[in-house]
């Protein structure tokens, strides 16, 4: 199983129903399971997403972070799973977040990209899932 997780970090629990990037990923990689969580996601959704992250052969997580000092909220559990995960994973940070960078950079099992252009993002995903 291949997984792509879109983690949206926001100050308030007001989120758009559709996320254009997530729709593009679903269309471009139809065999990849896509999940969408945010910093206010309920426990059962975060637990399910963590299980998918642990079980996936290949897992990439896209952290959308519009503010550098925003709380990780419920998504901190995803970061913890990534740190313990033995399989190679791809982490994309869109925005600035020092805590996430400290947690997820310089780990041999994690490939980390920060603020890639959309074309580079999709090239990295294609390389990762192939």
C-alpha atoms as a PDB file:
ATOM      1  CA  UNK A   1       0.000   0.000   0.000  1.00  0.00           C
ATOM      2  CA  UNK A   2       1.178   3.517  -0.873  1.00  0.00           C
ATOM      3  CA  UNK A   3      -0.136   6.488   1.107  1.00  0.00           C
ATOM      4  CA  UNK A   4      -0.178  10.269   0.790  1.00  0.00           C
ATOM      5  CA  UNK A   5      -1.263  12.230   3.844  1.00  0.00           C
ATOM      6  CA  UNK A   6      -2.183  15.898   3.693  1.00  0.00           C
ATOM      7  CA  UNK A   7      -1.787  17.458   7.148  1.00  0.00           C
ATOM      8  CA  UNK A   8      -3.206  20.972   7.380  1.00  0.00           C
ATOM      9  CA  UNK A   9      -2.001  23.065  10.320  1.00  0.00           C
ATOM     10  CA  UNK A  10      -4.300  25.987  11.108  1.00  0.00           C
ATOM     11  CA  UNK A  11      -5.072  28.250  14.084  1.00  0.00           C
ATOM     12  CA  UNK A  12      -8.821  27.650  13.856  1.00  0.00           C
ATOM     13  CA  UNK A  13     -10.894  24.602  12.903  1.00  0.00           C
ATOM     14  CA  UNK A  14     -12.195  26.264   9.721  1.00  0.00           C
ATOM     15  CA  UNK A  15     -10.946  24.382   6.699  1.00  0.00           C
ATOM     16  CA  UNK A  16     -11.856  24.317   3.024  1.00  0.00           C
ATOM     17  CA  UNK A  17     -13.736  21.200   1.981  1.00  0.00           C
ATOM     18  CA  UNK A  18     -11.623  20.716  -1.125  1.00  0.00           C
ATOM     19  CA  UNK A  19      -7.882  21.074  -1.278  1.00  0.00           C
ATOM     20  CA  UNK A  20      -6.637  21.547  -4.858  1.00  0.00           C
ATOM     21  CA  UNK A  21      -3.278  19.881  -4.200  1.00  0.00           C
ATOM     22  CA  UNK A  22      -4.928  16.818  -2.690  1.00  0.00           C
ATOM     23  CA  UNK A  23      -7.253  16.520  -5.696  1.00  0.00           C
ATOM     24  CA  UNK A  24      -4.250  16.711  -8.055  1.00  0.00           C
ATOM     25  CA  UNK A  25      -2.393  14.018  -6.106  1.00  0.00           C
ATOM     26  CA  UNK A  26      -5.459  11.739  -6.203  1.00  0.00           C
ATOM     27  CA  UNK A  27      -5.793  12.233  -9.960  1.00  0.00           C
ATOM     28  CA  UNK A  28      -2.084  11.862 -10.720  1.00  0.00           C
ATOM     29  CA  UNK A  29      -1.540   8.829  -8.460  1.00  0.00           C
ATOM     30  CA  UNK A  30      -4.802   6.826  -8.533  1.00  0.00           C
ATOM     31  CA  UNK A  31      -3.248   3.815  -6.768  1.00  0.00           C
ATOM     32  CA  UNK A  32      -2.066   5.873  -3.796  1.00  0.00           C
ATOM     33  CA  UNK A  33      -4.385   6.049  -0.780  1.00  0.00           C
ATOM     34  CA  UNK A  34      -4.878   9.709   0.151  1.00  0.00           C
ATOM     35  CA  UNK A  35      -5.870  10.890   3.609  1.00  0.00           C
ATOM     36  CA  UNK A  36      -6.570  14.385   4.856  1.00  0.00           C
ATOM     37  CA  UNK A  37      -6.098  15.426   8.486  1.00  0.00           C
ATOM     38  CA  UNK A  38      -5.649  18.698  10.296  1.00  0.00           C
ATOM     39  CA  UNK A  39      -4.502  19.978  13.658  1.00  0.00           C
ATOM     40  CA  UNK A  40      -8.091  19.686  14.941  1.00  0.00           C
ATOM     41  CA  UNK A  41      -8.851  16.172  13.632  1.00  0.00           C
ATOM     42  CA  UNK A  42     -10.654  13.849  15.980  1.00  0.00           C
ATOM     43  CA  UNK A  43      -8.892  11.000  17.745  1.00  0.00           C
ATOM     44  CA  UNK A  44     -10.310   8.182  15.597  1.00  0.00           C
ATOM     45  CA  UNK A  45      -9.167   9.875  12.362  1.00  0.00           C
ATOM     46  CA  UNK A  46      -5.662  10.523  13.688  1.00  0.00           C
ATOM     47  CA  UNK A  47      -5.443   6.934  14.979  1.00  0.00           C
ATOM     48  CA  UNK A  48      -6.504   5.571  11.585  1.00  0.00           C
ATOM     49  CA  UNK A  49      -4.019   7.839   9.784  1.00  0.00           C
ATOM     50  CA  UNK A  50      -1.206   6.732  12.102  1.00  0.00           C
ATOM     51  CA  UNK A  51      -2.058   3.084  11.394  1.00  0.00           C
ATOM     52  CA  UNK A  52      -1.982   3.714   7.642  1.00  0.00           C
ATOM     53  CA  UNK A  53       1.360   5.483   8.046  1.00  0.00           C
ATOM     54  CA  UNK A  54       2.801   2.531   9.963  1.00  0.00           C
ATOM     55  CA  UNK A  55       1.493  -0.099   7.537  1.00  0.00           C
ATOM     56  CA  UNK A  56       2.199   1.628   4.219  1.00  0.00           C
ATOM     57  CA  UNK A  57       5.040   0.331   2.110  1.00  0.00           C
ATOM     58  CA  UNK A  58       5.652   3.908   0.993  1.00  0.00           C
ATOM     59  CA  UNK A  59       4.227   6.907   2.822  1.00  0.00           C
ATOM     60  CA  UNK A  60       4.553  10.610   2.109  1.00  0.00           C
ATOM     61  CA  UNK A  61       3.222  13.361   4.331  1.00  0.00           C
ATOM     62  CA  UNK A  62       2.608  16.919   3.202  1.00  0.00           C
ATOM     63  CA  UNK A  63       2.484  19.422   6.073  1.00  0.00           C
ATOM     64  CA  UNK A  64       0.746  22.650   5.027  1.00  0.00           C
ATOM     65  CA  UNK A  65       1.931  25.226   7.527  1.00  0.00           C
ATOM     66  CA  UNK A  66       0.821  28.825   6.860  1.00  0.00           C
ATOM     67  CA  UNK A  67       2.335  30.202  10.101  1.00  0.00           C
ATOM     68  CA  UNK A  68       5.741  29.321  11.627  1.00  0.00           C
ATOM     69  CA  UNK A  69       4.603  29.205  15.259  1.00  0.00           C
ATOM     70  CA  UNK A  70       1.363  27.287  14.792  1.00  0.00           C
ATOM     71  CA  UNK A  71       0.613  24.339  17.064  1.00  0.00           C
ATOM     72  CA  UNK A  72       0.894  20.869  15.569  1.00  0.00           C
ATOM     73  CA  UNK A  73      -2.210  19.893  17.503  1.00  0.00           C
ATOM     74  CA  UNK A  74      -3.392  16.383  16.679  1.00  0.00           C
ATOM     75  CA  UNK A  75      -0.814  16.012  13.892  1.00  0.00           C
ATOM     76  CA  UNK A  76       2.032  15.659  16.408  1.00  0.00           C
ATOM     77  CA  UNK A  77       1.169  11.960  16.524  1.00  0.00           C
ATOM     78  CA  UNK A  78       1.954  11.664  12.806  1.00  0.00           C
ATOM     79  CA  UNK A  79       5.376  13.184  13.387  1.00  0.00           C
ATOM     80  CA  UNK A  80       5.989  10.682  16.197  1.00  0.00           C
ATOM     81  CA  UNK A  81       5.008   7.768  13.939  1.00  0.00           C
ATOM     82  CA  UNK A  82       7.331   9.041  11.204  1.00  0.00           C
ATOM     83  CA  UNK A  83      10.248   9.214  13.629  1.00  0.00           C
ATOM     84  CA  UNK A  84       9.720   5.583  14.710  1.00  0.00           C
ATOM     85  CA  UNK A  85       8.908   4.268  11.225  1.00  0.00           C
ATOM     86  CA  UNK A  86      11.698   2.115   9.779  1.00  0.00           C
ATOM     87  CA  UNK A  87      10.653   2.287   6.112  1.00  0.00           C
ATOM     88  CA  UNK A  88      11.707   5.164   3.911  1.00  0.00           C
ATOM     89  CA  UNK A  89       9.228   8.058   4.028  1.00  0.00           C
ATOM     90  CA  UNK A  90       8.887  11.352   2.215  1.00  0.00           C
ATOM     91  CA  UNK A  91       8.090  14.513   4.195  1.00  0.00           C
ATOM     92  CA  UNK A  92       7.144  17.771   2.519  1.00  0.00           C
ATOM     93  CA  UNK A  93       6.852  20.970   4.538  1.00  0.00           C
ATOM     94  CA  UNK A  94       5.022  23.808   2.819  1.00  0.00           C
ATOM     95  CA  UNK A  95       5.751  26.886   4.879  1.00  0.00           C
ATOM     96  CA  UNK A  96       7.940  27.363   7.933  1.00  0.00           C
ATOM     97  CA  UNK A  97       7.822  25.383  11.161  1.00  0.00           C
ATOM     98  CA  UNK A  98      10.964  25.105  13.293  1.00  0.00           C
ATOM     99  CA  UNK A  99       9.637  22.338  15.530  1.00  0.00           C
ATOM    100  CA  UNK A 100       8.724  20.093  12.598  1.00  0.00           C
ATOM    101  CA  UNK A 101      12.073  20.775  10.967  1.00  0.00           C
ATOM    102  CA  UNK A 102      13.952  19.851  14.148  1.00  0.00           C
ATOM    103  CA  UNK A 103      11.891  16.678  14.571  1.00  0.00           C
ATOM    104  CA  UNK A 104      12.043  15.429  10.994  1.00  0.00           C
ATOM    105  CA  UNK A 105      15.316  16.542   9.410  1.00  0.00           C
ATOM    106  CA  UNK A 106      18.571  14.578   9.627  1.00  0.00           C
ATOM    107  CA  UNK A 107      16.852  11.210   9.939  1.00  0.00           C
ATOM    108  CA  UNK A 108      18.102   8.484   7.645  1.00  0.00           C
ATOM    109  CA  UNK A 109      14.662   6.998   6.971  1.00  0.00           C
ATOM    110  CA  UNK A 110      13.100  10.370   6.064  1.00  0.00           C
ATOM    111  CA  UNK A 111      13.562  12.350   2.877  1.00  0.00           C
ATOM    112  CA  UNK A 112      12.678  15.948   3.737  1.00  0.00           C
ATOM    113  CA  UNK A 113      11.716  18.716   1.291  1.00  0.00           C
ATOM    114  CA  UNK A 114      10.831  22.250   2.244  1.00  0.00           C
ATOM    115  CA  UNK A 115       8.685  24.560   0.115  1.00  0.00           C
ATOM    116  CA  UNK A 116       9.061  22.768  -3.229  1.00  0.00           C
ATOM    117  CA  UNK A 117       7.398  24.228  -6.310  1.00  0.00           C
ATOM    118  CA  UNK A 118       4.440  22.127  -7.460  1.00  0.00           C
ATOM    119  CA  UNK A 119       6.321  20.647 -10.427  1.00  0.00           C
ATOM    120  CA  UNK A 120       9.220  19.575  -8.200  1.00  0.00           C
ATOM    121  CA  UNK A 121       6.776  18.223  -5.621  1.00  0.00           C
ATOM    122  CA  UNK A 122       5.108  15.968  -8.186  1.00  0.00           C
ATOM    123  CA  UNK A 123       8.476  14.842  -9.570  1.00  0.00           C
ATOM    124  CA  UNK A 124       9.591  13.873  -6.053  1.00  0.00           C
ATOM    125  CA  UNK A 125       6.320  12.018  -5.455  1.00  0.00           C
ATOM    126  CA  UNK A 126       6.628  10.207  -8.778  1.00  0.00           C
ATOM    127  CA  UNK A 127      10.197   9.143  -7.977  1.00  0.00           C
ATOM    128  CA  UNK A 128       9.169   8.068  -4.485  1.00  0.00           C
ATOM    129  CA  UNK A 129       6.172   5.971  -5.542  1.00  0.00           C
ATOM    130  CA  UNK A 130       7.879   4.299  -8.522  1.00  0.00           C
END
